[in-house]
Amino acid sequence: MAKTKEFKGIQEQIIESAGQIYNYLNTKGEVSINKMKKDLSLSENFAEMGLGWLSREDKLEYTQKAKSVTVKLR
């Protein structure tokens, strides 16, 4: 039972991270993933999981730049 409760807590954090990322991109437009992580102060894991969540919902568009990857809302 404890694992289910722990999983829900993690899933809620992922959803919250995805919401922060969505709102940030809605305001900023296209930014590098590294800048976004720094500006939002999300832990590496939750930033990646939040991006994955939004990607799965087909909400993001990624672009490979010379030295980084940028992301923006579709």
Protein backbone atom coordinates (compact mmCIF):
# COMPACT_ATOMS: atom_id res chain seq x y z
CA MET A 1 0.00 0.00 0.00
CA ALA A 2 2.85 2.40 0.77
CA LYS A 3 4.22 2.07 -2.76
CA THR A 4 0.88 3.14 -4.26
CA LYS A 5 0.77 6.20 -2.02
CA GLU A 6 4.40 7.03 -2.87
CA PHE A 7 3.68 6.60 -6.59
CA LYS A 8 0.74 9.02 -6.39
CA GLY A 9 3.00 11.58 -4.74
CA ILE A 10 5.57 11.25 -7.50
CA GLN A 11 2.92 11.34 -10.21
CA GLU A 12 1.49 14.53 -8.68
CA GLN A 13 4.97 16.09 -8.73
CA ILE A 14 5.37 15.13 -12.39
CA ILE A 15 2.01 16.69 -13.25
CA GLU A 16 2.91 19.82 -11.29
CA SER A 17 6.27 20.02 -13.10
CA ALA A 18 4.51 19.61 -16.46
CA GLY A 19 2.17 22.47 -15.52
CA GLN A 20 5.10 24.71 -14.57
CA ILE A 21 6.84 23.90 -17.85
CA TYR A 22 3.67 24.52 -19.87
CA ASN A 23 3.05 27.90 -18.23
CA TYR A 24 6.70 28.89 -18.64
CA LEU A 25 6.73 28.02 -22.35
CA ASN A 26 3.39 29.74 -22.84
CA THR A 27 5.02 32.94 -21.54
CA LYS A 28 8.55 32.62 -22.95
CA GLY A 29 8.04 30.88 -26.28
CA GLU A 30 10.95 28.83 -27.62
CA VAL A 31 13.81 28.33 -25.14
CA SER A 32 16.65 25.91 -24.61
CA ILE A 33 15.87 23.04 -22.29
CA ASN A 34 18.86 23.97 -20.11
CA LYS A 35 17.62 27.57 -19.70
CA MET A 36 14.14 26.34 -18.88
CA LYS A 37 15.46 23.97 -16.20
CA LYS A 38 17.58 26.73 -14.69
CA ASP A 39 14.77 29.31 -14.72
CA LEU A 40 12.23 26.92 -13.19
CA SER A 41 14.64 25.38 -10.66
CA LEU A 42 13.16 21.94 -11.28
CA SER A 43 15.21 18.96 -10.31
CA GLU A 44 16.71 17.18 -13.31
CA ASN A 45 14.40 14.18 -12.97
CA PHE A 46 11.17 16.15 -12.66
CA ALA A 47 12.10 18.51 -15.50
CA GLU A 48 12.69 15.50 -17.76
CA MET A 49 9.56 13.70 -16.60
CA GLY A 50 7.46 16.87 -17.03
CA LEU A 51 8.79 17.29 -20.57
CA GLY A 52 7.99 13.63 -21.23
CA TRP A 53 4.45 14.06 -19.92
CA LEU A 54 3.84 17.05 -22.21
CA SER A 55 5.50 15.27 -25.14
CA ARG A 56 3.24 12.28 -24.67
CA GLU A 57 0.28 14.65 -24.88
CA ASP A 58 1.78 16.05 -28.13
CA LYS A 59 2.05 19.55 -26.65
CA LEU A 60 5.74 20.23 -27.42
CA GLU A 61 7.95 20.77 -30.42
CA TYR A 62 11.70 20.24 -30.15
CA THR A 63 14.45 21.72 -32.33
CA GLN A 64 18.09 20.66 -32.40
CA LYS A 65 20.33 23.74 -32.39
CA ALA A 66 24.11 23.76 -32.74
CA LYS A 67 24.85 23.14 -29.07
CA SER A 68 21.46 22.65 -27.47
CA VAL A 69 17.89 21.48 -27.90
CA THR A 70 15.10 24.03 -27.75
CA VAL A 71 11.49 23.40 -26.90
CA LYS A 72 8.25 25.30 -27.50
CA LEU A 73 4.54 24.67 -27.33
CA ARG A 74 2.82 23.34 -30.45
